[in-house]
């Protein structure tokens, strides 16, 4: 009985303590111009890209602790694949998985901090040298997402 009472008192004490800051709420959307290209790239690929950017940002912010209780709204404005997507291969039989090029991404959005300040965000990164282009379909776009997330977690906007 004493143990139960002690646990209850401890629970009340912890609940009455200072409020803990929570992680940032991250929302990722596809921009209108890119959404118009869903037929070309495939909706599945665009969904995977939004999930990837969301995961990269949440992971980087969890490590840094920056922007706790903030709302972060991101828009993928443009992406370029390094290799054809399955949808592109399906629509254009002349393409091959051996086809490759430089890729990257363009991201915009805003951070609304816990105290109500709004920080606008724009980020653009595309590989500039074919020798360093990624090997998978979205390698350079994923590299752009990683660079963006790291930069956001460092507060460099």
C-alpha atoms as a PDB file:
ATOM      1  CA  UNK A   1       0.000   0.000   0.000  1.00  0.00           C
ATOM      2  CA  UNK A   2       2.803   2.432   0.881  1.00  0.00           C
ATOM      3  CA  UNK A   3       4.524   1.806  -2.428  1.00  0.00           C
ATOM      4  CA  UNK A   4       1.328   2.613  -4.306  1.00  0.00           C
ATOM      5  CA  UNK A   5       0.850   5.877  -2.383  1.00  0.00           C
ATOM      6  CA  UNK A   6       4.494   6.825  -2.953  1.00  0.00           C
ATOM      7  CA  UNK A   7       4.162   6.238  -6.690  1.00  0.00           C
ATOM      8  CA  UNK A   8       0.962   8.317  -6.806  1.00  0.00           C
ATOM      9  CA  UNK A   9       2.573  11.232  -4.958  1.00  0.00           C
ATOM     10  CA  UNK A  10       5.598  11.032  -7.244  1.00  0.00           C
ATOM     11  CA  UNK A  11       3.317  11.046 -10.292  1.00  0.00           C
ATOM     12  CA  UNK A  12       1.518  14.173  -9.060  1.00  0.00           C
ATOM     13  CA  UNK A  13       4.818  15.899  -8.332  1.00  0.00           C
ATOM     14  CA  UNK A  14       6.179  15.156 -11.808  1.00  0.00           C
ATOM     15  CA  UNK A  15       2.933  16.217 -13.493  1.00  0.00           C
ATOM     16  CA  UNK A  16       2.996  19.554 -11.654  1.00  0.00           C
ATOM     17  CA  UNK A  17       6.599  20.281 -12.700  1.00  0.00           C
ATOM     18  CA  UNK A  18       7.587  22.658 -15.488  1.00  0.00           C
ATOM     19  CA  UNK A  19       6.155  21.897 -18.904  1.00  0.00           C
ATOM     20  CA  UNK A  20       8.527  20.090 -21.208  1.00  0.00           C
ATOM     21  CA  UNK A  21       9.107  21.538 -24.644  1.00  0.00           C
ATOM     22  CA  UNK A  22       8.013  19.245 -27.438  1.00  0.00           C
ATOM     23  CA  UNK A  23       9.510  18.527 -30.813  1.00  0.00           C
ATOM     24  CA  UNK A  24       8.742  20.761 -33.768  1.00  0.00           C
ATOM     25  CA  UNK A  25       5.709  19.914 -35.874  1.00  0.00           C
ATOM     26  CA  UNK A  26       6.926  19.387 -39.433  1.00  0.00           C
ATOM     27  CA  UNK A  27       4.631  19.411 -42.452  1.00  0.00           C
ATOM     28  CA  UNK A  28       5.946  18.797 -45.951  1.00  0.00           C
ATOM     29  CA  UNK A  29       3.994  19.495 -49.116  1.00  0.00           C
ATOM     30  CA  UNK A  30       4.628  19.314 -52.837  1.00  0.00           C
ATOM     31  CA  UNK A  31       4.489  22.707 -54.575  1.00  0.00           C
ATOM     32  CA  UNK A  32       1.939  23.407 -57.295  1.00  0.00           C
ATOM     33  CA  UNK A  33       4.436  23.319 -60.170  1.00  0.00           C
ATOM     34  CA  UNK A  34       5.893  20.038 -58.965  1.00  0.00           C
ATOM     35  CA  UNK A  35       2.417  18.591 -58.371  1.00  0.00           C
ATOM     36  CA  UNK A  36       1.730  19.282 -62.052  1.00  0.00           C
ATOM     37  CA  UNK A  37       4.653  16.940 -62.817  1.00  0.00           C
ATOM     38  CA  UNK A  38       3.192  14.050 -60.790  1.00  0.00           C
ATOM     39  CA  UNK A  39       2.207  12.354 -64.052  1.00  0.00           C
ATOM     40  CA  UNK A  40       5.805  12.529 -65.226  1.00  0.00           C
ATOM     41  CA  UNK A  41       7.594  11.438 -62.039  1.00  0.00           C
ATOM     42  CA  UNK A  42       4.809   9.359 -60.503  1.00  0.00           C
ATOM     43  CA  UNK A  43       2.792  10.252 -57.410  1.00  0.00           C
ATOM     44  CA  UNK A  44       4.447   7.410 -55.481  1.00  0.00           C
ATOM     45  CA  UNK A  45       7.869   9.020 -55.946  1.00  0.00           C
ATOM     46  CA  UNK A  46       6.612  12.436 -54.851  1.00  0.00           C
ATOM     47  CA  UNK A  47       5.052  10.878 -51.744  1.00  0.00           C
ATOM     48  CA  UNK A  48       8.338   9.133 -50.925  1.00  0.00           C
ATOM     49  CA  UNK A  49      10.216  12.419 -51.308  1.00  0.00           C
ATOM     50  CA  UNK A  50       7.891  14.279 -48.926  1.00  0.00           C
ATOM     51  CA  UNK A  51       8.285  11.484 -46.362  1.00  0.00           C
ATOM     52  CA  UNK A  52      12.053  11.565 -46.759  1.00  0.00           C
ATOM     53  CA  UNK A  53      12.303  15.328 -46.241  1.00  0.00           C
ATOM     54  CA  UNK A  54       9.983  15.131 -43.228  1.00  0.00           C
ATOM     55  CA  UNK A  55      12.100  12.367 -41.671  1.00  0.00           C
ATOM     56  CA  UNK A  56      15.409  14.174 -42.359  1.00  0.00           C
ATOM     57  CA  UNK A  57      14.178  17.401 -40.767  1.00  0.00           C
ATOM     58  CA  UNK A  58      12.618  15.719 -37.730  1.00  0.00           C
ATOM     59  CA  UNK A  59      15.759  13.672 -37.107  1.00  0.00           C
ATOM     60  CA  UNK A  60      18.106  16.653 -37.427  1.00  0.00           C
ATOM     61  CA  UNK A  61      15.956  18.842 -35.168  1.00  0.00           C
ATOM     62  CA  UNK A  62      15.635  16.087 -32.551  1.00  0.00           C
ATOM     63  CA  UNK A  63      19.423  15.923 -32.362  1.00  0.00           C
ATOM     64  CA  UNK A  64      19.906  19.671 -32.116  1.00  0.00           C
ATOM     65  CA  UNK A  65      16.934  20.566 -29.915  1.00  0.00           C
ATOM     66  CA  UNK A  66      16.390  23.726 -31.975  1.00  0.00           C
ATOM     67  CA  UNK A  67      12.880  24.978 -32.786  1.00  0.00           C
ATOM     68  CA  UNK A  68      11.164  23.068 -29.988  1.00  0.00           C
ATOM     69  CA  UNK A  69       7.383  23.625 -30.066  1.00  0.00           C
ATOM     70  CA  UNK A  70       7.722  25.306 -33.479  1.00  0.00           C
ATOM     71  CA  UNK A  71       5.574  24.667 -36.539  1.00  0.00           C
ATOM     72  CA  UNK A  72       7.619  24.087 -39.679  1.00  0.00           C
ATOM     73  CA  UNK A  73       5.864  24.116 -43.027  1.00  0.00           C
ATOM     74  CA  UNK A  74       8.012  23.058 -45.988  1.00  0.00           C
ATOM     75  CA  UNK A  75       7.231  22.962 -49.688  1.00  0.00           C
ATOM     76  CA  UNK A  76       9.245  20.942 -52.175  1.00  0.00           C
ATOM     77  CA  UNK A  77       9.100  23.341 -55.101  1.00  0.00           C
ATOM     78  CA  UNK A  78      11.217  21.338 -57.533  1.00  0.00           C
ATOM     79  CA  UNK A  79      13.203  18.117 -57.716  1.00  0.00           C
ATOM     80  CA  UNK A  80      15.292  16.533 -60.419  1.00  0.00           C
ATOM     81  CA  UNK A  81      16.049  12.821 -60.399  1.00  0.00           C
ATOM     82  CA  UNK A  82      19.469  11.386 -61.254  1.00  0.00           C
ATOM     83  CA  UNK A  83      17.933   8.438 -63.035  1.00  0.00           C
ATOM     84  CA  UNK A  84      14.499   7.980 -64.617  1.00  0.00           C
ATOM     85  CA  UNK A  85      11.669   7.157 -62.235  1.00  0.00           C
ATOM     86  CA  UNK A  86       9.603   4.044 -62.818  1.00  0.00           C
ATOM     87  CA  UNK A  87       6.817   6.244 -64.172  1.00  0.00           C
ATOM     88  CA  UNK A  88       9.194   7.904 -66.657  1.00  0.00           C
ATOM     89  CA  UNK A  89      10.469   4.495 -67.760  1.00  0.00           C
ATOM     90  CA  UNK A  90       6.901   3.292 -68.193  1.00  0.00           C
ATOM     91  CA  UNK A  91       5.861   6.300 -70.279  1.00  0.00           C
ATOM     92  CA  UNK A  92       9.016   6.517 -72.398  1.00  0.00           C
ATOM     93  CA  UNK A  93      10.228   3.077 -73.474  1.00  0.00           C
ATOM     94  CA  UNK A  94      13.440   4.545 -74.943  1.00  0.00           C
ATOM     95  CA  UNK A  95      14.690   5.530 -71.499  1.00  0.00           C
ATOM     96  CA  UNK A  96      16.927   3.205 -69.548  1.00  0.00           C
ATOM     97  CA  UNK A  97      18.020   2.886 -65.949  1.00  0.00           C
ATOM     98  CA  UNK A  98      21.469   3.509 -67.382  1.00  0.00           C
ATOM     99  CA  UNK A  99      20.357   7.074 -68.240  1.00  0.00           C
ATOM    100  CA  UNK A 100      21.644   9.526 -65.665  1.00  0.00           C
ATOM    101  CA  UNK A 101      22.065  13.219 -64.995  1.00  0.00           C
ATOM    102  CA  UNK A 102      22.483  15.755 -62.247  1.00  0.00           C
ATOM    103  CA  UNK A 103      19.687  16.174 -59.727  1.00  0.00           C
ATOM    104  CA  UNK A 104      18.760  18.125 -56.659  1.00  0.00           C
ATOM    105  CA  UNK A 105      15.911  19.975 -54.986  1.00  0.00           C
ATOM    106  CA  UNK A 106      14.418  23.382 -54.304  1.00  0.00           C
ATOM    107  CA  UNK A 107      12.673  23.883 -50.934  1.00  0.00           C
ATOM    108  CA  UNK A 108      10.771  26.816 -49.471  1.00  0.00           C
ATOM    109  CA  UNK A 109       8.674  27.327 -46.373  1.00  0.00           C
ATOM    110  CA  UNK A 110       8.573  28.900 -42.972  1.00  0.00           C
ATOM    111  CA  UNK A 111       9.237  28.225 -39.325  1.00  0.00           C
ATOM    112  CA  UNK A 112       6.792  29.635 -36.801  1.00  0.00           C
ATOM    113  CA  UNK A 113       8.652  29.563 -33.498  1.00  0.00           C
ATOM    114  CA  UNK A 114       7.032  28.899 -30.121  1.00  0.00           C
ATOM    115  CA  UNK A 115       7.003  32.650 -29.409  1.00  0.00           C
ATOM    116  CA  UNK A 116       5.224  33.428 -32.703  1.00  0.00           C
ATOM    117  CA  UNK A 117       8.120  34.669 -34.824  1.00  0.00           C
ATOM    118  CA  UNK A 118       8.052  33.628 -38.475  1.00  0.00           C
ATOM    119  CA  UNK A 119      11.305  32.700 -40.189  1.00  0.00           C
ATOM    120  CA  UNK A 120      11.084  32.344 -43.981  1.00  0.00           C
ATOM    121  CA  UNK A 121      13.057  29.532 -45.589  1.00  0.00           C
ATOM    122  CA  UNK A 122      14.432  29.101 -49.071  1.00  0.00           C
ATOM    123  CA  UNK A 123      16.963  26.467 -50.015  1.00  0.00           C
ATOM    124  CA  UNK A 124      18.182  25.202 -53.347  1.00  0.00           C
ATOM    125  CA  UNK A 125      20.845  22.635 -54.084  1.00  0.00           C
ATOM    126  CA  UNK A 126      21.572  20.839 -57.348  1.00  0.00           C
ATOM    127  CA  UNK A 127      24.701  18.884 -58.120  1.00  0.00           C
ATOM    128  CA  UNK A 128      26.763  20.887 -60.584  1.00  0.00           C
ATOM    129  CA  UNK A 129      29.169  18.231 -61.806  1.00  0.00           C
ATOM    130  CA  UNK A 130      28.010  15.057 -63.549  1.00  0.00           C
ATOM    131  CA  UNK A 131      31.048  13.233 -62.147  1.00  0.00           C
ATOM    132  CA  UNK A 132      29.591  13.556 -58.665  1.00  0.00           C
ATOM    133  CA  UNK A 133      25.957  12.863 -59.566  1.00  0.00           C
ATOM    134  CA  UNK A 134      24.256  10.223 -57.444  1.00  0.00           C
ATOM    135  CA  UNK A 135      23.757   6.629 -58.493  1.00  0.00           C
ATOM    136  CA  UNK A 136      20.129   6.101 -57.496  1.00  0.00           C
ATOM    137  CA  UNK A 137      17.001   7.810 -58.794  1.00  0.00           C
ATOM    138  CA  UNK A 138      16.793  10.460 -56.083  1.00  0.00           C
ATOM    139  CA  UNK A 139      20.390  10.546 -54.768  1.00  0.00           C
ATOM    140  CA  UNK A 140      20.988  14.246 -55.301  1.00  0.00           C
ATOM    141  CA  UNK A 141      17.501  15.227 -54.076  1.00  0.00           C
ATOM    142  CA  UNK A 142      18.151  13.201 -50.920  1.00  0.00           C
ATOM    143  CA  UNK A 143      21.535  14.921 -50.589  1.00  0.00           C
ATOM    144  CA  UNK A 144      19.751  18.275 -50.865  1.00  0.00           C
ATOM    145  CA  UNK A 145      17.292  17.207 -48.145  1.00  0.00           C
ATOM    146  CA  UNK A 146      20.144  16.175 -45.842  1.00  0.00           C
ATOM    147  CA  UNK A 147      21.994  19.445 -46.398  1.00  0.00           C
ATOM    148  CA  UNK A 148      18.811  21.415 -45.819  1.00  0.00           C
ATOM    149  CA  UNK A 149      17.946  19.536 -42.603  1.00  0.00           C
ATOM    150  CA  UNK A 150      21.460  19.993 -41.210  1.00  0.00           C
ATOM    151  CA  UNK A 151      21.394  23.695 -42.019  1.00  0.00           C
ATOM    152  CA  UNK A 152      17.948  24.126 -40.423  1.00  0.00           C
ATOM    153  CA  UNK A 153      19.046  22.260 -37.273  1.00  0.00           C
ATOM    154  CA  UNK A 154      22.041  24.597 -37.018  1.00  0.00           C
ATOM    155  CA  UNK A 155      19.736  27.647 -37.214  1.00  0.00           C
ATOM    156  CA  UNK A 156      21.295  28.924 -40.415  1.00  0.00           C
ATOM    157  CA  UNK A 157      18.188  30.543 -41.906  1.00  0.00           C
END
